[in-house]
Protein backbone atom coordinates (compact mmCIF):
# COMPACT_ATOMS: atom_id res chain seq x y z
CA MET A 1 155.80 59.15 85.22
CA PRO A 2 153.37 60.02 87.94
CA PRO A 3 152.65 63.79 88.64
CA THR A 4 154.26 63.45 91.86
CA ALA A 5 157.44 62.02 90.51
CA SER A 6 157.61 64.92 87.90
CA ARG A 7 156.80 67.41 90.57
CA HIS A 8 159.87 66.38 92.69
CA ALA A 9 162.19 66.14 89.71
CA ALA A 10 161.76 69.60 88.95
CA GLU A 11 161.60 71.33 92.28
CA ARG A 12 164.81 72.79 93.59
CA LEU A 13 164.80 73.40 97.25
CA ALA A 14 166.79 75.64 99.50
CA LEU A 15 167.92 74.47 103.00
CA ILE A 16 168.60 77.31 105.55
CA TYR A 17 170.76 75.96 108.58
CA ASP A 18 172.45 77.74 111.58
CA ALA A 19 175.78 78.23 110.12
CA ASP A 20 177.33 78.64 113.87
CA CYS A 21 175.98 75.36 114.96
CA ARG A 22 178.25 72.21 114.39
CA LEU A 23 175.07 70.02 114.73
CA CYS A 24 173.31 71.92 112.10
CA ILE A 25 176.35 72.03 109.67
CA ALA A 26 176.67 68.14 109.90
CA GLY A 27 172.97 67.56 110.10
CA SER A 28 172.23 69.69 107.02
CA ALA A 29 175.00 68.04 105.02
CA ARG A 30 173.72 64.43 105.93
CA LEU A 31 170.21 65.33 104.89
CA VAL A 32 171.37 66.84 101.44
CA SER A 33 173.26 63.83 100.84
CA LEU A 34 170.12 61.51 101.56
CA ALA A 35 168.00 63.66 99.11
CA ARG A 36 168.09 63.40 95.26
CA PRO A 37 171.33 64.79 93.96
CA GLY A 38 171.02 68.55 93.26
CA SER A 39 167.77 68.72 94.50
CA ILE A 40 168.78 70.98 97.70
CA GLU A 41 170.99 73.97 97.96
CA ARG A 42 172.32 74.43 101.34
CA VAL A 43 172.27 77.99 102.58
CA GLY A 44 174.05 78.96 105.85
CA SER A 45 172.58 81.51 108.14
CA SER A 46 175.74 83.68 107.64
CA ASP A 47 175.09 83.97 103.94
CA PRO A 48 175.07 87.44 103.16
CA SER A 49 172.26 87.17 100.17
CA LEU A 50 169.91 85.03 102.52
CA ALA A 51 167.74 88.18 103.32
CA SER A 52 167.26 89.16 99.70
CA ARG A 53 166.87 85.73 98.47
CA PHE A 54 164.55 84.69 101.18
CA PRO A 55 162.69 87.42 102.44
CA GLN A 56 159.91 85.21 104.11
CA ILE A 57 162.65 83.66 106.31
CA SER A 58 163.47 85.74 109.62
CA PRO A 59 166.41 85.25 111.58
CA GLU A 60 164.18 84.09 114.63
CA MET A 61 162.84 81.31 112.33
CA ILE A 62 166.63 79.94 111.53
CA ARG A 63 167.28 80.32 115.27
CA GLN A 64 164.54 78.03 116.20
CA ALA A 65 164.48 75.49 113.36
CA MET A 66 166.13 74.91 109.77
CA GLN A 67 163.98 76.00 107.21
CA LEU A 68 163.32 74.40 103.72
CA ILE A 69 162.15 76.66 100.82
CA GLY A 70 160.41 75.11 97.87
CA SER A 71 160.71 76.61 94.44
CA ASP A 72 157.23 77.89 94.90
CA GLY A 73 158.27 79.87 98.12
CA ARG A 74 156.53 77.48 100.52
CA VAL A 75 158.47 77.07 103.76
CA TYR A 76 158.68 73.99 105.79
CA SER A 77 160.29 74.27 109.21
CA GLY A 78 162.17 71.67 111.23
CA ALA A 79 160.98 68.05 111.17
CA ALA A 80 158.56 69.11 108.38
CA ALA A 81 161.86 70.31 106.71
CA VAL A 82 163.45 66.83 107.07
CA ALA A 83 160.35 64.99 105.69
CA GLN A 84 160.05 67.17 102.61
CA ALA A 85 163.68 66.94 102.08
CA LEU A 86 163.72 63.08 102.11
CA SER A 87 160.73 62.79 99.81
CA THR A 88 162.97 64.03 96.82
CA ARG A 89 163.91 60.24 96.96
CA PRO A 90 161.23 57.63 96.30
CA ALA A 91 162.97 55.18 98.78
CA TRP A 92 162.51 57.91 101.52
CA ARG A 93 159.08 58.88 100.79
CA LEU A 94 157.58 56.41 103.49
CA VAL A 95 159.14 58.78 105.91
CA THR A 96 157.18 61.78 104.66
CA TRP A 97 153.96 59.63 104.55
CA LEU A 98 154.78 58.59 108.25
CA TYR A 99 155.37 62.32 109.41
CA ARG A 100 151.88 63.00 108.30
CA VAL A 101 150.30 60.42 110.68
CA PRO A 102 149.22 62.71 113.83
CA GLY A 103 150.92 61.10 116.46
CA VAL A 104 154.25 60.52 114.61
CA ARG A 105 154.06 64.28 113.46
CA TRP A 106 153.61 65.46 117.30
CA ALA A 107 156.27 63.44 118.54
CA ALA A 108 158.99 64.30 115.58
CA ASP A 109 158.04 67.85 116.06
CA ALA A 110 158.76 67.53 119.84
CA VAL A 111 162.01 65.90 119.43
CA TYR A 112 163.28 68.15 116.99
CA ARG A 113 162.36 71.22 119.12
CA TRP A 114 164.11 69.77 122.19
CA VAL A 115 167.36 68.90 119.78
CA ALA A 116 167.13 72.34 118.41
CA ARG A 117 166.93 74.26 121.85
CA ASN A 118 170.06 72.09 123.21
CA ARG A 119 172.13 71.99 119.93
CA TYR A 120 175.00 74.17 121.13
CA ARG A 121 175.33 71.85 124.24
CA ILE A 122 175.23 68.56 122.09
CA MET A 123 178.06 69.71 119.65
CA GLY A 124 178.88 73.22 120.28
CA ARG A 125 179.21 76.32 118.36
CA VAL A 126 181.48 76.66 115.21
CA GLY A 127 184.91 78.33 116.59
CA ALA A 128 183.57 78.67 120.07
CA CYS A 129 186.41 75.99 121.58
CA ASP A 130 189.12 78.05 119.42
CA THR A 131 188.25 81.28 120.77
CA GLY A 132 187.54 80.12 124.46
CA THR A 133 184.06 81.29 124.31
CA CYS A 134 182.75 77.94 124.94
CA ASP A 135 179.65 78.21 127.21
CA SER A 136 178.13 74.93 126.90
CA GLY A 137 180.81 72.46 128.06
CA ALA A 138 181.04 70.86 124.72
CA CYS A 139 184.43 71.73 124.39
CA ALA A 140 185.61 69.99 127.55
CA ARG A 141 183.66 66.92 126.61
CA ARG A 142 185.67 66.70 123.37
CA THR A 143 189.24 66.92 124.98
């Protein structure tokens, strides 16, 4: 087995996502389903153990982008987290390779930042429609 394959087989990752964001909840679940089974643990931003388990991740980092933490403590953020998560499966490693291409990385990071800034407008917040606190108009678009 090549060194890369054994490293990926042994590595356990944690994916930190905004638990108040419908897009983030759905997107993180989809990303985990595309990764190697059992390789990624999803951890919502509302998890009470978040700060003690991952002191290197600040609330501001989570507000800006999802965070992927390797078993060695290394942190991947935003589009880099997506590429790293997908690299757990050999079939998706091409995505990681493409992400390393300078122009592709810049474009992927820019698209990710735009989506992250507008995520509540795209799909809304969890519970916002039920409580009447929807300020984005997402609730009106769904009905």
